[in-house]
Amino acid sequence: MHVRMLRVPVPPDKIDAFIQIWHNEMLPFAKTQKGWHSARLLVDREAGKTVIIGVWETEADARASGNMSSAHVQSQQDMAAKLLGARPAVEMEYYEVAGDAWQELTAGA
């Protein structure tokens, strides 16, 4: 498994609306992408920060989904721009998943 992590600044007064867009528009779209496994949205309401963690089957899938010129990323940027008034400045990082306590927990159930 591999992770694509995005840091997206969102003004504190727009965090709740961003959460709704993520659940209703961004997440359903992400689920259609090749190799998608799961995702988490983390927010710091006071600081106006969000972190989106997408889990992908392979590194190639994670990187393909994060290509800034890809239709997937362009569509996600457009969704955020509807709320924010412009495409957000996104910081993107990639990681290999070396351990997963949730997967270990559910595998033993």
Protein backbone atom coordinates (compact mmCIF):
# COMPACT_ATOMS: atom_id res chain seq x y z
CA MET A 1 0.00 0.00 0.00
CA HIS A 2 1.06 3.57 -0.69
CA VAL A 3 -0.17 6.93 0.53
CA ARG A 4 -0.61 10.22 -1.24
CA MET A 5 -0.80 12.96 1.38
CA LEU A 6 -2.07 16.42 0.52
CA ARG A 7 -1.89 19.50 2.71
CA VAL A 8 -4.61 21.95 1.71
CA PRO A 9 -5.04 25.34 3.40
CA VAL A 10 -8.70 26.17 4.03
CA PRO A 11 -9.86 29.29 5.87
CA PRO A 12 -11.29 28.35 9.29
CA ASP A 13 -14.72 29.74 8.38
CA LYS A 14 -14.87 27.38 5.37
CA ILE A 15 -13.71 24.14 7.01
CA ASP A 16 -17.24 22.74 7.49
CA ALA A 17 -18.15 23.45 3.88
CA PHE A 18 -14.86 21.88 2.73
CA ILE A 19 -15.66 18.75 4.76
CA GLN A 20 -19.02 18.51 2.98
CA ILE A 21 -17.43 18.94 -0.46
CA TRP A 22 -14.86 16.29 0.42
CA HIS A 23 -17.56 13.80 1.50
CA ASN A 24 -20.07 14.56 -1.25
CA GLU A 25 -17.88 15.29 -4.29
CA MET A 26 -14.17 14.63 -3.84
CA LEU A 27 -14.36 11.25 -2.10
CA PRO A 28 -16.86 9.65 -4.50
CA PHE A 29 -14.69 10.80 -7.41
CA ALA A 30 -11.50 9.47 -5.77
CA LYS A 31 -13.14 6.07 -5.29
CA THR A 32 -13.38 5.68 -9.08
CA GLN A 33 -9.61 5.97 -9.55
CA LYS A 34 -7.48 2.92 -10.33
CA GLY A 35 -5.98 1.37 -7.21
CA TRP A 36 -7.90 3.51 -4.70
CA HIS A 37 -8.17 1.79 -1.32
CA SER A 38 -9.29 4.32 1.31
CA ALA A 39 -8.97 7.94 2.45
CA ARG A 40 -8.96 10.13 5.54
CA LEU A 41 -9.59 13.85 5.93
CA LEU A 42 -7.89 15.52 8.89
CA VAL A 43 -8.67 19.11 9.88
CA ASP A 44 -7.27 21.74 12.20
CA ARG A 45 -10.23 24.09 12.43
CA GLU A 46 -8.42 26.87 14.29
CA ALA A 47 -5.36 26.99 12.01
CA GLY A 48 -7.29 26.46 8.77
CA LYS A 49 -5.32 23.40 7.75
CA THR A 50 -6.43 20.13 6.23
CA VAL A 51 -4.59 16.95 5.39
CA ILE A 52 -6.05 14.44 2.97
CA ILE A 53 -4.55 10.97 3.14
CA GLY A 54 -5.40 8.68 0.24
CA VAL A 55 -4.34 5.04 0.36
CA TRP A 56 -3.59 3.30 -2.93
CA GLU A 57 -2.76 -0.28 -3.86
CA THR A 58 0.53 0.59 -5.59
CA GLU A 59 2.98 3.47 -5.71
CA ALA A 60 2.24 3.84 -9.42
CA ASP A 61 -1.48 4.25 -8.68
CA ALA A 62 -0.79 6.84 -5.96
CA ARG A 63 1.52 8.83 -8.20
CA ALA A 64 -0.80 8.62 -11.20
CA SER A 65 -3.69 9.91 -9.08
CA GLY A 66 -1.54 12.83 -7.89
CA ASN A 67 -0.19 13.98 -11.23
CA MET A 68 -1.02 17.70 -11.14
CA SER A 69 -1.94 17.68 -14.82
CA SER A 70 -4.16 14.59 -14.53
CA ALA A 71 -7.91 14.86 -14.97
CA HIS A 72 -8.34 13.49 -11.42
CA VAL A 73 -6.31 16.28 -9.79
CA GLN A 74 -7.73 18.98 -12.05
CA SER A 75 -11.25 17.89 -11.14
CA GLN A 76 -10.44 17.85 -7.41
CA GLN A 77 -8.88 21.32 -7.70
CA ASP A 78 -12.00 22.61 -9.47
CA MET A 79 -14.20 21.21 -6.68
CA ALA A 80 -12.14 23.02 -4.04
CA ALA A 81 -12.06 26.22 -6.09
CA LYS A 82 -15.87 26.42 -6.02
CA LEU A 83 -15.65 26.92 -2.26
CA LEU A 84 -12.35 28.76 -1.92
CA GLY A 85 -12.69 31.12 -4.87
CA ALA A 86 -9.46 29.83 -6.45
CA ARG A 87 -7.55 26.58 -6.72
CA PRO A 88 -5.75 25.94 -3.45
CA ALA A 89 -1.99 25.73 -3.13
CA VAL A 90 -1.52 22.03 -2.44
CA GLU A 91 1.52 20.32 -0.94
CA MET A 92 1.68 16.68 -2.02
CA GLU A 93 3.84 13.89 -0.59
CA TYR A 94 4.05 10.14 -1.13
CA TYR A 95 4.80 7.38 1.37
CA GLU A 96 4.87 3.61 1.52
CA VAL A 97 2.64 2.14 4.25
CA ALA A 98 5.02 0.17 6.47
CA GLY A 99 2.47 -0.67 9.16
CA ASP A 100 -1.30 -0.50 9.59
CA ALA A 101 -2.77 -1.14 13.05
CA TRP A 102 -6.34 -0.98 11.72
CA GLN A 103 -5.63 -3.66 9.12
CA GLU A 104 -3.91 -5.79 11.77
CA LEU A 105 -6.85 -5.31 14.13
CA THR A 106 -9.53 -6.21 11.58
CA ALA A 107 -7.52 -9.14 10.18
CA GLY A 108 -7.55 -10.76 13.62
CA ALA A 109 -11.31 -10.30 14.09
